[in-house]
C-alpha atoms as a PDB file:
ATOM      1  CA  UNK A   1      43.598  73.038  29.832  1.00  0.00           C
ATOM      2  CA  UNK A   2      41.424  75.450  31.744  1.00  0.00           C
ATOM      3  CA  UNK A   3      37.855  74.895  30.607  1.00  0.00           C
ATOM      4  CA  UNK A   4      36.781  78.344  31.694  1.00  0.00           C
ATOM      5  CA  UNK A   5      33.276  79.132  32.734  1.00  0.00           C
ATOM      6  CA  UNK A   6      31.126  81.384  30.577  1.00  0.00           C
ATOM      7  CA  UNK A   7      33.062  84.357  29.164  1.00  0.00           C
ATOM      8  CA  UNK A   8      33.075  87.528  31.235  1.00  0.00           C
ATOM      9  CA  UNK A   9      33.108  90.870  29.450  1.00  0.00           C
ATOM     10  CA  UNK A  10      35.983  93.092  30.502  1.00  0.00           C
ATOM     11  CA  UNK A  11      35.544  96.827  30.891  1.00  0.00           C
ATOM     12  CA  UNK A  12      38.021  99.032  29.090  1.00  0.00           C
ATOM     13  CA  UNK A  13      39.949 100.933  31.744  1.00  0.00           C
ATOM     14  CA  UNK A  14      41.816 104.178  31.238  1.00  0.00           C
ATOM     15  CA  UNK A  15      45.043 104.967  33.055  1.00  0.00           C
ATOM     16  CA  UNK A  16      43.274 106.803  35.882  1.00  0.00           C
ATOM     17  CA  UNK A  17      40.975 103.834  36.487  1.00  0.00           C
ATOM     18  CA  UNK A  18      44.009 101.540  36.662  1.00  0.00           C
ATOM     19  CA  UNK A  19      45.842 103.857  39.050  1.00  0.00           C
ATOM     20  CA  UNK A  20      42.767 104.096  41.240  1.00  0.00           C
ATOM     21  CA  UNK A  21      42.197 100.319  41.365  1.00  0.00           C
ATOM     22  CA  UNK A  22      45.822  99.617  42.204  1.00  0.00           C
ATOM     23  CA  UNK A  23      45.816 102.161  45.014  1.00  0.00           C
ATOM     24  CA  UNK A  24      42.521 101.051  46.551  1.00  0.00           C
ATOM     25  CA  UNK A  25      43.571  97.412  46.848  1.00  0.00           C
ATOM     26  CA  UNK A  26      46.161  97.972  49.555  1.00  0.00           C
ATOM     27  CA  UNK A  27      46.288 101.654  50.398  1.00  0.00           C
ATOM     28  CA  UNK A  28      42.661 102.686  50.857  1.00  0.00           C
ATOM     29  CA  UNK A  29      42.835 105.886  52.923  1.00  0.00           C
ATOM     30  CA  UNK A  30      41.219 105.786  56.347  1.00  0.00           C
ATOM     31  CA  UNK A  31      40.116 109.402  56.221  1.00  0.00           C
ATOM     32  CA  UNK A  32      36.760 111.108  56.560  1.00  0.00           C
ATOM     33  CA  UNK A  33      36.757 111.860  52.819  1.00  0.00           C
ATOM     34  CA  UNK A  34      38.774 109.010  51.238  1.00  0.00           C
ATOM     35  CA  UNK A  35      37.773 110.018  47.706  1.00  0.00           C
ATOM     36  CA  UNK A  36      39.410 113.415  48.236  1.00  0.00           C
ATOM     37  CA  UNK A  37      42.521 111.684  49.571  1.00  0.00           C
ATOM     38  CA  UNK A  38      42.634 109.303  46.600  1.00  0.00           C
ATOM     39  CA  UNK A  39      42.198 112.229  44.201  1.00  0.00           C
ATOM     40  CA  UNK A  40      45.424 113.863  45.382  1.00  0.00           C
ATOM     41  CA  UNK A  41      48.112 113.441  42.738  1.00  0.00           C
ATOM     42  CA  UNK A  42      45.645 112.174  40.134  1.00  0.00           C
ATOM     43  CA  UNK A  43      44.480 115.547  38.824  1.00  0.00           C
ATOM     44  CA  UNK A  44      40.892 114.736  39.836  1.00  0.00           C
ATOM     45  CA  UNK A  45      38.413 115.998  42.380  1.00  0.00           C
ATOM     46  CA  UNK A  46      36.987 113.790  45.099  1.00  0.00           C
ATOM     47  CA  UNK A  47      33.627 113.845  43.301  1.00  0.00           C
ATOM     48  CA  UNK A  48      35.269 112.611  40.104  1.00  0.00           C
ATOM     49  CA  UNK A  49      37.004 109.774  41.982  1.00  0.00           C
ATOM     50  CA  UNK A  50      33.719 108.757  43.607  1.00  0.00           C
ATOM     51  CA  UNK A  51      32.017 108.772  40.199  1.00  0.00           C
ATOM     52  CA  UNK A  52      34.700 106.474  38.802  1.00  0.00           C
ATOM     53  CA  UNK A  53      34.452 104.131  41.783  1.00  0.00           C
ATOM     54  CA  UNK A  54      30.686 103.903  41.314  1.00  0.00           C
ATOM     55  CA  UNK A  55      31.172 102.998  37.656  1.00  0.00           C
ATOM     56  CA  UNK A  56      33.805 100.364  38.517  1.00  0.00           C
ATOM     57  CA  UNK A  57      31.381  98.897  41.043  1.00  0.00           C
ATOM     58  CA  UNK A  58      28.487  98.900  38.575  1.00  0.00           C
ATOM     59  CA  UNK A  59      30.549  97.165  35.883  1.00  0.00           C
ATOM     60  CA  UNK A  60      31.552  94.455  38.371  1.00  0.00           C
ATOM     61  CA  UNK A  61      35.291  95.038  38.564  1.00  0.00           C
ATOM     62  CA  UNK A  62      35.106  96.094  42.219  1.00  0.00           C
ATOM     63  CA  UNK A  63      33.418  93.369  44.228  1.00  0.00           C
ATOM     64  CA  UNK A  64      33.484  95.070  47.623  1.00  0.00           C
ATOM     65  CA  UNK A  65      35.217  97.796  49.620  1.00  0.00           C
ATOM     66  CA  UNK A  66      35.411  96.898  53.284  1.00  0.00           C
ATOM     67  CA  UNK A  67      37.473  95.922  56.268  1.00  0.00           C
ATOM     68  CA  UNK A  68      39.185  92.550  55.886  1.00  0.00           C
ATOM     69  CA  UNK A  69      39.499  90.750  59.199  1.00  0.00           C
ATOM     70  CA  UNK A  70      41.657  87.811  60.177  1.00  0.00           C
ATOM     71  CA  UNK A  71      39.360  84.864  60.804  1.00  0.00           C
ATOM     72  CA  UNK A  72      41.614  83.137  63.327  1.00  0.00           C
ATOM     73  CA  UNK A  73      42.323  86.329  65.251  1.00  0.00           C
ATOM     74  CA  UNK A  74      38.561  86.701  65.749  1.00  0.00           C
ATOM     75  CA  UNK A  75      38.410  83.240  67.338  1.00  0.00           C
ATOM     76  CA  UNK A  76      36.736  81.566  64.372  1.00  0.00           C
ATOM     77  CA  UNK A  77      37.998  78.205  63.147  1.00  0.00           C
ATOM     78  CA  UNK A  78      38.193  77.596  59.422  1.00  0.00           C
ATOM     79  CA  UNK A  79      39.274  75.107  56.819  1.00  0.00           C
ATOM     80  CA  UNK A  80      39.513  74.457  53.140  1.00  0.00           C
ATOM     81  CA  UNK A  81      37.419  71.426  52.240  1.00  0.00           C
ATOM     82  CA  UNK A  82      37.070  69.300  49.126  1.00  0.00           C
ATOM     83  CA  UNK A  83      34.220  66.921  48.309  1.00  0.00           C
ATOM     84  CA  UNK A  84      33.735  64.193  45.737  1.00  0.00           C
ATOM     85  CA  UNK A  85      30.283  64.365  44.187  1.00  0.00           C
ATOM     86  CA  UNK A  86      28.861  62.763  41.010  1.00  0.00           C
ATOM     87  CA  UNK A  87      28.728  65.327  38.209  1.00  0.00           C
ATOM     88  CA  UNK A  88      24.984  64.932  37.786  1.00  0.00           C
ATOM     89  CA  UNK A  89      24.456  66.055  41.405  1.00  0.00           C
ATOM     90  CA  UNK A  90      27.214  68.627  41.648  1.00  0.00           C
ATOM     91  CA  UNK A  91      25.137  71.774  41.126  1.00  0.00           C
ATOM     92  CA  UNK A  92      22.543  70.563  43.620  1.00  0.00           C
ATOM     93  CA  UNK A  93      25.179  69.732  46.230  1.00  0.00           C
ATOM     94  CA  UNK A  94      26.968  73.031  45.649  1.00  0.00           C
ATOM     95  CA  UNK A  95      23.726  74.904  46.316  1.00  0.00           C
ATOM     96  CA  UNK A  96      23.394  73.158  49.687  1.00  0.00           C
ATOM     97  CA  UNK A  97      26.981  74.045  50.611  1.00  0.00           C
ATOM     98  CA  UNK A  98      26.601  77.658  49.493  1.00  0.00           C
ATOM     99  CA  UNK A  99      23.625  78.155  51.823  1.00  0.00           C
ATOM    100  CA  UNK A 100      25.885  77.771  54.849  1.00  0.00           C
ATOM    101  CA  UNK A 101      26.661  81.288  56.190  1.00  0.00           C
ATOM    102  CA  UNK A 102      30.231  80.249  57.015  1.00  0.00           C
ATOM    103  CA  UNK A 103      31.037  79.239  53.432  1.00  0.00           C
ATOM    104  CA  UNK A 104      32.795  82.124  51.700  1.00  0.00           C
ATOM    105  CA  UNK A 105      34.241  80.456  48.589  1.00  0.00           C
ATOM    106  CA  UNK A 106      32.708  77.540  46.709  1.00  0.00           C
ATOM    107  CA  UNK A 107      34.039  76.302  43.355  1.00  0.00           C
ATOM    108  CA  UNK A 108      33.912  73.433  40.939  1.00  0.00           C
ATOM    109  CA  UNK A 109      37.415  72.264  40.058  1.00  0.00           C
ATOM    110  CA  UNK A 110      38.605  69.621  37.637  1.00  0.00           C
ATOM    111  CA  UNK A 111      39.737  66.818  39.936  1.00  0.00           C
ATOM    112  CA  UNK A 112      38.429  63.655  41.570  1.00  0.00           C
ATOM    113  CA  UNK A 113      37.464  65.899  44.479  1.00  0.00           C
ATOM    114  CA  UNK A 114      35.437  68.297  42.390  1.00  0.00           C
ATOM    115  CA  UNK A 115      33.825  70.722  44.872  1.00  0.00           C
ATOM    116  CA  UNK A 116      36.163  72.966  46.846  1.00  0.00           C
ATOM    117  CA  UNK A 117      34.945  75.362  49.519  1.00  0.00           C
ATOM    118  CA  UNK A 118      36.132  77.298  52.558  1.00  0.00           C
ATOM    119  CA  UNK A 119      34.222  77.099  55.816  1.00  0.00           C
ATOM    120  CA  UNK A 120      34.489  79.164  59.003  1.00  0.00           C
ATOM    121  CA  UNK A 121      32.496  78.723  62.208  1.00  0.00           C
ATOM    122  CA  UNK A 122      32.163  81.010  65.257  1.00  0.00           C
ATOM    123  CA  UNK A 123      34.027  80.549  68.540  1.00  0.00           C
ATOM    124  CA  UNK A 124      32.766  77.598  70.557  1.00  0.00           C
ATOM    125  CA  UNK A 125      31.285  75.711  67.611  1.00  0.00           C
ATOM    126  CA  UNK A 126      32.696  72.485  66.159  1.00  0.00           C
ATOM    127  CA  UNK A 127      34.124  72.779  62.659  1.00  0.00           C
ATOM    128  CA  UNK A 128      34.033  68.990  62.276  1.00  0.00           C
ATOM    129  CA  UNK A 129      30.341  68.871  63.126  1.00  0.00           C
ATOM    130  CA  UNK A 130      29.528  71.547  60.562  1.00  0.00           C
ATOM    131  CA  UNK A 131      31.432  69.682  57.841  1.00  0.00           C
ATOM    132  CA  UNK A 132      29.799  66.375  58.737  1.00  0.00           C
ATOM    133  CA  UNK A 133      26.378  67.978  58.569  1.00  0.00           C
ATOM    134  CA  UNK A 134      27.150  69.472  55.151  1.00  0.00           C
ATOM    135  CA  UNK A 135      28.417  66.090  53.970  1.00  0.00           C
ATOM    136  CA  UNK A 136      25.143  64.464  54.975  1.00  0.00           C
ATOM    137  CA  UNK A 137      22.881  67.184  53.593  1.00  0.00           C
ATOM    138  CA  UNK A 138      24.743  67.491  50.275  1.00  0.00           C
ATOM    139  CA  UNK A 139      25.428  63.723  50.073  1.00  0.00           C
ATOM    140  CA  UNK A 140      29.185  63.828  49.567  1.00  0.00           C
ATOM    141  CA  UNK A 141      30.678  60.531  48.409  1.00  0.00           C
ATOM    142  CA  UNK A 142      33.868  61.474  50.228  1.00  0.00           C
ATOM    143  CA  UNK A 143      35.481  64.651  51.502  1.00  0.00           C
ATOM    144  CA  UNK A 144      38.732  66.121  52.762  1.00  0.00           C
ATOM    145  CA  UNK A 145      39.178  68.667  55.544  1.00  0.00           C
ATOM    146  CA  UNK A 146      42.348  70.636  54.809  1.00  0.00           C
ATOM    147  CA  UNK A 147      42.911  73.233  57.554  1.00  0.00           C
ATOM    148  CA  UNK A 148      45.877  75.552  57.382  1.00  0.00           C
ATOM    149  CA  UNK A 149      48.937  74.297  59.227  1.00  0.00           C
ATOM    150  CA  UNK A 150      51.118  77.272  58.331  1.00  0.00           C
ATOM    151  CA  UNK A 151      50.550  80.425  56.292  1.00  0.00           C
ATOM    152  CA  UNK A 152      53.413  81.544  54.088  1.00  0.00           C
ATOM    153  CA  UNK A 153      51.547  84.183  52.121  1.00  0.00           C
ATOM    154  CA  UNK A 154      48.088  85.743  52.097  1.00  0.00           C
ATOM    155  CA  UNK A 155      46.823  88.752  50.190  1.00  0.00           C
ATOM    156  CA  UNK A 156      46.721  89.668  46.532  1.00  0.00           C
ATOM    157  CA  UNK A 157      47.083  92.886  44.608  1.00  0.00           C
ATOM    158  CA  UNK A 158      46.099  92.579  40.974  1.00  0.00           C
ATOM    159  CA  UNK A 159      48.331  94.859  38.930  1.00  0.00           C
ATOM    160  CA  UNK A 160      45.622  96.109  36.577  1.00  0.00           C
ATOM    161  CA  UNK A 161      47.911  98.770  35.162  1.00  0.00           C
ATOM    162  CA  UNK A 162      50.895  96.622  34.237  1.00  0.00           C
ATOM    163  CA  UNK A 163      51.814  93.693  32.041  1.00  0.00           C
ATOM    164  CA  UNK A 164      52.524  91.346  34.921  1.00  0.00           C
ATOM    165  CA  UNK A 165      49.991  88.744  35.947  1.00  0.00           C
ATOM    166  CA  UNK A 166      49.558  89.844  39.540  1.00  0.00           C
ATOM    167  CA  UNK A 167      51.763  91.081  42.282  1.00  0.00           C
ATOM    168  CA  UNK A 168      51.931  91.146  46.021  1.00  0.00           C
ATOM    169  CA  UNK A 169      51.932  94.350  47.976  1.00  0.00           C
ATOM    170  CA  UNK A 170      55.170  96.196  47.326  1.00  0.00           C
ATOM    171  CA  UNK A 171      56.094  95.864  51.002  1.00  0.00           C
ATOM    172  CA  UNK A 172      53.977  93.023  52.393  1.00  0.00           C
ATOM    173  CA  UNK A 173      53.548  93.223  56.159  1.00  0.00           C
ATOM    174  CA  UNK A 174      55.859  90.863  58.016  1.00  0.00           C
ATOM    175  CA  UNK A 175      52.938  89.460  59.993  1.00  0.00           C
ATOM    176  CA  UNK A 176      51.534  88.031  56.745  1.00  0.00           C
ATOM    177  CA  UNK A 177      54.675  85.966  56.225  1.00  0.00           C
ATOM    178  CA  UNK A 178      54.966  82.519  57.827  1.00  0.00           C
ATOM    179  CA  UNK A 179      52.456  83.536  60.470  1.00  0.00           C
ATOM    180  CA  UNK A 180      50.543  81.557  63.047  1.00  0.00           C
ATOM    181  CA  UNK A 181      47.682  83.745  64.254  1.00  0.00           C
ATOM    182  CA  UNK A 182      46.253  83.333  67.734  1.00  0.00           C
ATOM    183  CA  UNK A 183      42.760  84.467  68.790  1.00  0.00           C
ATOM    184  CA  UNK A 184      42.576  87.954  70.296  1.00  0.00           C
ATOM    185  CA  UNK A 185      40.356  88.746  73.286  1.00  0.00           C
ATOM    186  CA  UNK A 186      37.541  90.934  71.949  1.00  0.00           C
ATOM    187  CA  UNK A 187      35.093  93.093  73.859  1.00  0.00           C
ATOM    188  CA  UNK A 188      31.437  93.573  73.005  1.00  0.00           C
ATOM    189  CA  UNK A 189      32.392  96.997  71.634  1.00  0.00           C
ATOM    190  CA  UNK A 190      35.000  95.361  69.387  1.00  0.00           C
ATOM    191  CA  UNK A 191      32.361  93.017  67.991  1.00  0.00           C
ATOM    192  CA  UNK A 192      30.066  95.978  67.305  1.00  0.00           C
ATOM    193  CA  UNK A 193      32.860  97.727  65.386  1.00  0.00           C
ATOM    194  CA  UNK A 194      33.469  94.571  63.352  1.00  0.00           C
ATOM    195  CA  UNK A 195      29.800  94.264  62.451  1.00  0.00           C
ATOM    196  CA  UNK A 196      29.725  97.919  61.371  1.00  0.00           C
ATOM    197  CA  UNK A 197      32.819  97.693  59.157  1.00  0.00           C
ATOM    198  CA  UNK A 198      32.591  94.262  57.534  1.00  0.00           C
ATOM    199  CA  UNK A 199      29.931  95.160  54.965  1.00  0.00           C
ATOM    200  CA  UNK A 200      30.368  97.073  51.748  1.00  0.00           C
ATOM    201  CA  UNK A 201      31.388 100.707  52.187  1.00  0.00           C
ATOM    202  CA  UNK A 202      28.620 103.112  51.102  1.00  0.00           C
ATOM    203  CA  UNK A 203      29.585 105.065  47.985  1.00  0.00           C
ATOM    204  CA  UNK A 204      28.820 108.508  49.397  1.00  0.00           C
ATOM    205  CA  UNK A 205      30.922 111.598  50.076  1.00  0.00           C
ATOM    206  CA  UNK A 206      31.756 110.575  53.677  1.00  0.00           C
ATOM    207  CA  UNK A 207      31.394 106.783  53.616  1.00  0.00           C
ATOM    208  CA  UNK A 208      32.463 106.127  57.227  1.00  0.00           C
ATOM    209  CA  UNK A 209      29.741 108.400  58.603  1.00  0.00           C
ATOM    210  CA  UNK A 210      27.168 105.594  58.581  1.00  0.00           C
ATOM    211  CA  UNK A 211      29.348 103.335  60.763  1.00  0.00           C
ATOM    212  CA  UNK A 212      30.056 106.227  63.137  1.00  0.00           C
ATOM    213  CA  UNK A 213      26.351 106.948  63.525  1.00  0.00           C
ATOM    214  CA  UNK A 214      25.614 103.275  64.098  1.00  0.00           C
ATOM    215  CA  UNK A 215      28.290 103.062  66.780  1.00  0.00           C
ATOM    216  CA  UNK A 216      27.591 106.465  68.319  1.00  0.00           C
ATOM    217  CA  UNK A 217      31.187 107.667  67.956  1.00  0.00           C
ATOM    218  CA  UNK A 218      33.229 110.220  66.018  1.00  0.00           C
ATOM    219  CA  UNK A 219      35.414 109.408  63.033  1.00  0.00           C
ATOM    220  CA  UNK A 220      38.678 109.873  64.953  1.00  0.00           C
ATOM    221  CA  UNK A 221      37.597 107.199  67.417  1.00  0.00           C
ATOM    222  CA  UNK A 222      36.713 104.847  64.562  1.00  0.00           C
ATOM    223  CA  UNK A 223      40.061 105.398  62.868  1.00  0.00           C
ATOM    224  CA  UNK A 224      41.919 104.874  66.150  1.00  0.00           C
ATOM    225  CA  UNK A 225      40.137 101.538  66.622  1.00  0.00           C
ATOM    226  CA  UNK A 226      41.015 100.400  63.097  1.00  0.00           C
ATOM    227  CA  UNK A 227      44.660 101.310  63.584  1.00  0.00           C
ATOM    228  CA  UNK A 228      44.720  99.474  66.925  1.00  0.00           C
ATOM    229  CA  UNK A 229      43.177  96.367  65.353  1.00  0.00           C
ATOM    230  CA  UNK A 230      45.688  96.456  62.517  1.00  0.00           C
ATOM    231  CA  UNK A 231      48.480  96.469  65.063  1.00  0.00           C
ATOM    232  CA  UNK A 232      46.891  93.520  66.875  1.00  0.00           C
ATOM    233  CA  UNK A 233      46.554  91.498  63.649  1.00  0.00           C
ATOM    234  CA  UNK A 234      42.748  91.497  63.819  1.00  0.00           C
ATOM    235  CA  UNK A 235      42.237  93.877  60.888  1.00  0.00           C
ATOM    236  CA  UNK A 236      44.397  92.755  57.986  1.00  0.00           C
ATOM    237  CA  UNK A 237      43.585  95.802  55.903  1.00  0.00           C
ATOM    238  CA  UNK A 238      40.789  98.000  54.575  1.00  0.00           C
ATOM    239  CA  UNK A 239      40.659  97.570  50.827  1.00  0.00           C
ATOM    240  CA  UNK A 240      38.833  97.193  47.557  1.00  0.00           C
ATOM    241  CA  UNK A 241      38.461  93.567  46.476  1.00  0.00           C
ATOM    242  CA  UNK A 242      38.309  93.027  42.716  1.00  0.00           C
ATOM    243  CA  UNK A 243      36.609  90.371  40.641  1.00  0.00           C
ATOM    244  CA  UNK A 244      39.612  88.717  39.070  1.00  0.00           C
ATOM    245  CA  UNK A 245      38.145  87.744  35.733  1.00  0.00           C
ATOM    246  CA  UNK A 246      36.454  91.085  35.093  1.00  0.00           C
ATOM    247  CA  UNK A 247      39.787  92.763  35.831  1.00  0.00           C
ATOM    248  CA  UNK A 248      41.482  90.655  33.150  1.00  0.00           C
ATOM    249  CA  UNK A 249      42.948  87.854  35.280  1.00  0.00           C
ATOM    250  CA  UNK A 250      41.152  84.940  33.657  1.00  0.00           C
ATOM    251  CA  UNK A 251      43.554  82.151  34.674  1.00  0.00           C
ATOM    252  CA  UNK A 252      43.286  81.597  38.408  1.00  0.00           C
ATOM    253  CA  UNK A 253      44.778  78.270  39.338  1.00  0.00           C
ATOM    254  CA  UNK A 254      45.188  76.506  42.651  1.00  0.00           C
ATOM    255  CA  UNK A 255      48.395  74.492  42.428  1.00  0.00           C
ATOM    256  CA  UNK A 256      48.918  71.703  44.939  1.00  0.00           C
ATOM    257  CA  UNK A 257      52.422  70.380  45.560  1.00  0.00           C
ATOM    258  CA  UNK A 258      53.925  67.357  47.267  1.00  0.00           C
ATOM    259  CA  UNK A 259      57.251  68.258  48.844  1.00  0.00           C
ATOM    260  CA  UNK A 260      59.406  66.482  51.393  1.00  0.00           C
ATOM    261  CA  UNK A 261      58.107  67.116  54.921  1.00  0.00           C
ATOM    262  CA  UNK A 262      61.544  68.119  56.163  1.00  0.00           C
ATOM    263  CA  UNK A 263      61.712  70.869  53.527  1.00  0.00           C
ATOM    264  CA  UNK A 264      58.172  72.225  53.833  1.00  0.00           C
ATOM    265  CA  UNK A 265      59.172  75.521  55.481  1.00  0.00           C
ATOM    266  CA  UNK A 266      61.819  76.243  52.883  1.00  0.00           C
ATOM    267  CA  UNK A 267      59.474  75.222  50.080  1.00  0.00           C
ATOM    268  CA  UNK A 268      56.655  77.408  51.359  1.00  0.00           C
ATOM    269  CA  UNK A 269      58.882  80.454  51.685  1.00  0.00           C
ATOM    270  CA  UNK A 270      60.237  79.916  48.185  1.00  0.00           C
ATOM    271  CA  UNK A 271      56.827  79.482  46.548  1.00  0.00           C
ATOM    272  CA  UNK A 272      55.447  82.533  48.374  1.00  0.00           C
ATOM    273  CA  UNK A 273      58.102  84.746  46.787  1.00  0.00           C
ATOM    274  CA  UNK A 274      56.570  84.453  43.316  1.00  0.00           C
ATOM    275  CA  UNK A 275      54.781  87.776  42.693  1.00  0.00           C
ATOM    276  CA  UNK A 276      51.805  86.015  41.110  1.00  0.00           C
ATOM    277  CA  UNK A 277      51.160  83.883  44.211  1.00  0.00           C
ATOM    278  CA  UNK A 278      48.508  85.445  46.423  1.00  0.00           C
ATOM    279  CA  UNK A 279      48.058  82.624  48.935  1.00  0.00           C
ATOM    280  CA  UNK A 280      50.516  79.963  50.036  1.00  0.00           C
ATOM    281  CA  UNK A 281      49.730  77.445  52.784  1.00  0.00           C
ATOM    282  CA  UNK A 282      50.900  74.184  54.270  1.00  0.00           C
ATOM    283  CA  UNK A 283      47.966  71.785  54.669  1.00  0.00           C
ATOM    284  CA  UNK A 284      47.685  68.137  55.787  1.00  0.00           C
ATOM    285  CA  UNK A 285      48.052  65.387  53.216  1.00  0.00           C
ATOM    286  CA  UNK A 286      46.777  61.813  53.043  1.00  0.00           C
ATOM    287  CA  UNK A 287      46.906  58.763  50.822  1.00  0.00           C
ATOM    288  CA  UNK A 288      43.764  59.974  49.077  1.00  0.00           C
ATOM    289  CA  UNK A 289      45.257  63.415  48.461  1.00  0.00           C
ATOM    290  CA  UNK A 290      49.064  63.442  48.889  1.00  0.00           C
ATOM    291  CA  UNK A 291      49.718  67.194  48.623  1.00  0.00           C
ATOM    292  CA  UNK A 292      50.960  69.375  51.462  1.00  0.00           C
ATOM    293  CA  UNK A 293      51.692  72.784  49.888  1.00  0.00           C
ATOM    294  CA  UNK A 294      49.038  74.971  48.238  1.00  0.00           C
ATOM    295  CA  UNK A 295      49.572  78.055  46.103  1.00  0.00           C
ATOM    296  CA  UNK A 296      46.972  80.299  44.466  1.00  0.00           C
ATOM    297  CA  UNK A 297      48.179  81.897  41.243  1.00  0.00           C
ATOM    298  CA  UNK A 298      46.432  84.726  39.377  1.00  0.00           C
ATOM    299  CA  UNK A 299      47.400  85.335  35.759  1.00  0.00           C
ATOM    300  CA  UNK A 300      46.095  86.957  32.607  1.00  0.00           C
ATOM    301  CA  UNK A 301      46.332  83.738  30.601  1.00  0.00           C
ATOM    302  CA  UNK A 302      46.978  80.030  31.003  1.00  0.00           C
ATOM    303  CA  UNK A 303      50.387  80.425  29.411  1.00  0.00           C
ATOM    304  CA  UNK A 304      51.304  83.085  31.997  1.00  0.00           C
ATOM    305  CA  UNK A 305      50.039  80.821  34.766  1.00  0.00           C
ATOM    306  CA  UNK A 306      52.037  77.869  33.435  1.00  0.00           C
ATOM    307  CA  UNK A 307      55.184  79.993  33.264  1.00  0.00           C
ATOM    308  CA  UNK A 308      54.823  80.761  36.971  1.00  0.00           C
ATOM    309  CA  UNK A 309      54.154  77.106  37.796  1.00  0.00           C
ATOM    310  CA  UNK A 310      57.248  75.988  35.883  1.00  0.00           C
ATOM    311  CA  UNK A 311      59.371  78.571  37.668  1.00  0.00           C
ATOM    312  CA  UNK A 312      58.151  77.451  41.096  1.00  0.00           C
ATOM    313  CA  UNK A 313      58.572  73.782  40.150  1.00  0.00           C
ATOM    314  CA  UNK A 314      62.210  74.402  39.239  1.00  0.00           C
ATOM    315  CA  UNK A 315      62.792  75.929  42.660  1.00  0.00           C
ATOM    316  CA  UNK A 316      60.978  73.169  44.536  1.00  0.00           C
ATOM    317  CA  UNK A 317      62.635  70.248  42.722  1.00  0.00           C
ATOM    318  CA  UNK A 318      65.714  70.248  45.012  1.00  0.00           C
ATOM    319  CA  UNK A 319      63.363  70.274  48.033  1.00  0.00           C
ATOM    320  CA  UNK A 320      61.890  66.855  47.393  1.00  0.00           C
ATOM    321  CA  UNK A 321      58.973  67.983  45.220  1.00  0.00           C
ATOM    322  CA  UNK A 322      57.676  64.765  43.652  1.00  0.00           C
ATOM    323  CA  UNK A 323      54.304  65.830  42.228  1.00  0.00           C
ATOM    324  CA  UNK A 324      52.078  68.796  41.556  1.00  0.00           C
ATOM    325  CA  UNK A 325      48.696  69.480  39.991  1.00  0.00           C
ATOM    326  CA  UNK A 326      46.929  72.609  38.783  1.00  0.00           C
ATOM    327  CA  UNK A 327      43.234  72.870  39.595  1.00  0.00           C
ATOM    328  CA  UNK A 328      41.471  75.632  37.701  1.00  0.00           C
ATOM    329  CA  UNK A 329      38.074  76.763  38.926  1.00  0.00           C
ATOM    330  CA  UNK A 330      35.476  76.113  36.221  1.00  0.00           C
ATOM    331  CA  UNK A 331      32.358  77.283  38.063  1.00  0.00           C
ATOM    332  CA  UNK A 332      32.107  79.856  40.838  1.00  0.00           C
ATOM    333  CA  UNK A 333      29.146  78.937  43.021  1.00  0.00           C
ATOM    334  CA  UNK A 334      29.826  81.444  45.770  1.00  0.00           C
ATOM    335  CA  UNK A 335      32.394  84.060  46.643  1.00  0.00           C
ATOM    336  CA  UNK A 336      31.702  86.484  49.452  1.00  0.00           C
ATOM    337  CA  UNK A 337      33.229  87.326  52.772  1.00  0.00           C
ATOM    338  CA  UNK A 338      32.014  85.666  55.941  1.00  0.00           C
ATOM    339  CA  UNK A 339      29.983  88.035  58.106  1.00  0.00           C
ATOM    340  CA  UNK A 340      31.253  87.770  61.670  1.00  0.00           C
ATOM    341  CA  UNK A 341      29.361  87.852  64.967  1.00  0.00           C
ATOM    342  CA  UNK A 342      25.990  88.188  63.271  1.00  0.00           C
ATOM    343  CA  UNK A 343      24.264  86.026  65.926  1.00  0.00           C
ATOM    344  CA  UNK A 344      25.257  88.162  68.901  1.00  0.00           C
END
């Protein structure tokens, strides 16, 4: 049972809204006038597209439109962490965790480890020290650090126009499959570009103009840099990020699996093939938490989510899968992207 948080009203979308949202999630045009580019083939003007985007932002369906960078490629270290906290102190502890600038996601989940968050720290800083400090300040009873060992899948496209729960990009980049990202040497100019592009895109006729003015460059130079960073694996994509529940995907479950160590690669590749799986990672396991494969599933209902889980379980059974659990998020304390190189 997914004891969902308070109900979220869902905006009624017409077919043009759905087409626009689907396109902006993976194929946001890197042009001087992206609204004009998006309008092509839709029977709309650029001004009409911009008006729709503003409305979708105001109603909360679009969370942010920005560059999405690869944390590891930037030299940051990161981890998923889980803490055990008494229920009567959970909100208080979550507030302490959410204040950390490197915490991007922070949720209550129904499990013995009931607070789950992601933490990233800049190059040269100790991830362990940051977690220990959070544990002391928020008074964790116990905690797990669960860094990524291997990435099998990352990136979600919510199919707001179809009946399916969610789907991956139609042609997901190969670098997002089974990847092991290494830090890339960045210049001071690179860091300035990152700072200029990581925040929400202004909803104006020429939204990249502000970044160009800030950097003292022309648009062609900005676009060239983004294309170069995409090729280097630093910039994963430029895209609109949606709020899942407002877009109709109310069942978002993290499923943890215990599979035989010798089959982990095969298991990860198999689980990542499910269209509804947005993230799939191998993480360390322990006696306290004996799960080594993690999948994030986005669905329109619990029954849809369970159907996906059952399908994956059938595929993993021959690979030594002995246990799995579904952890639904019941409270979202924080969800926002980490802002990089803000202390430079």
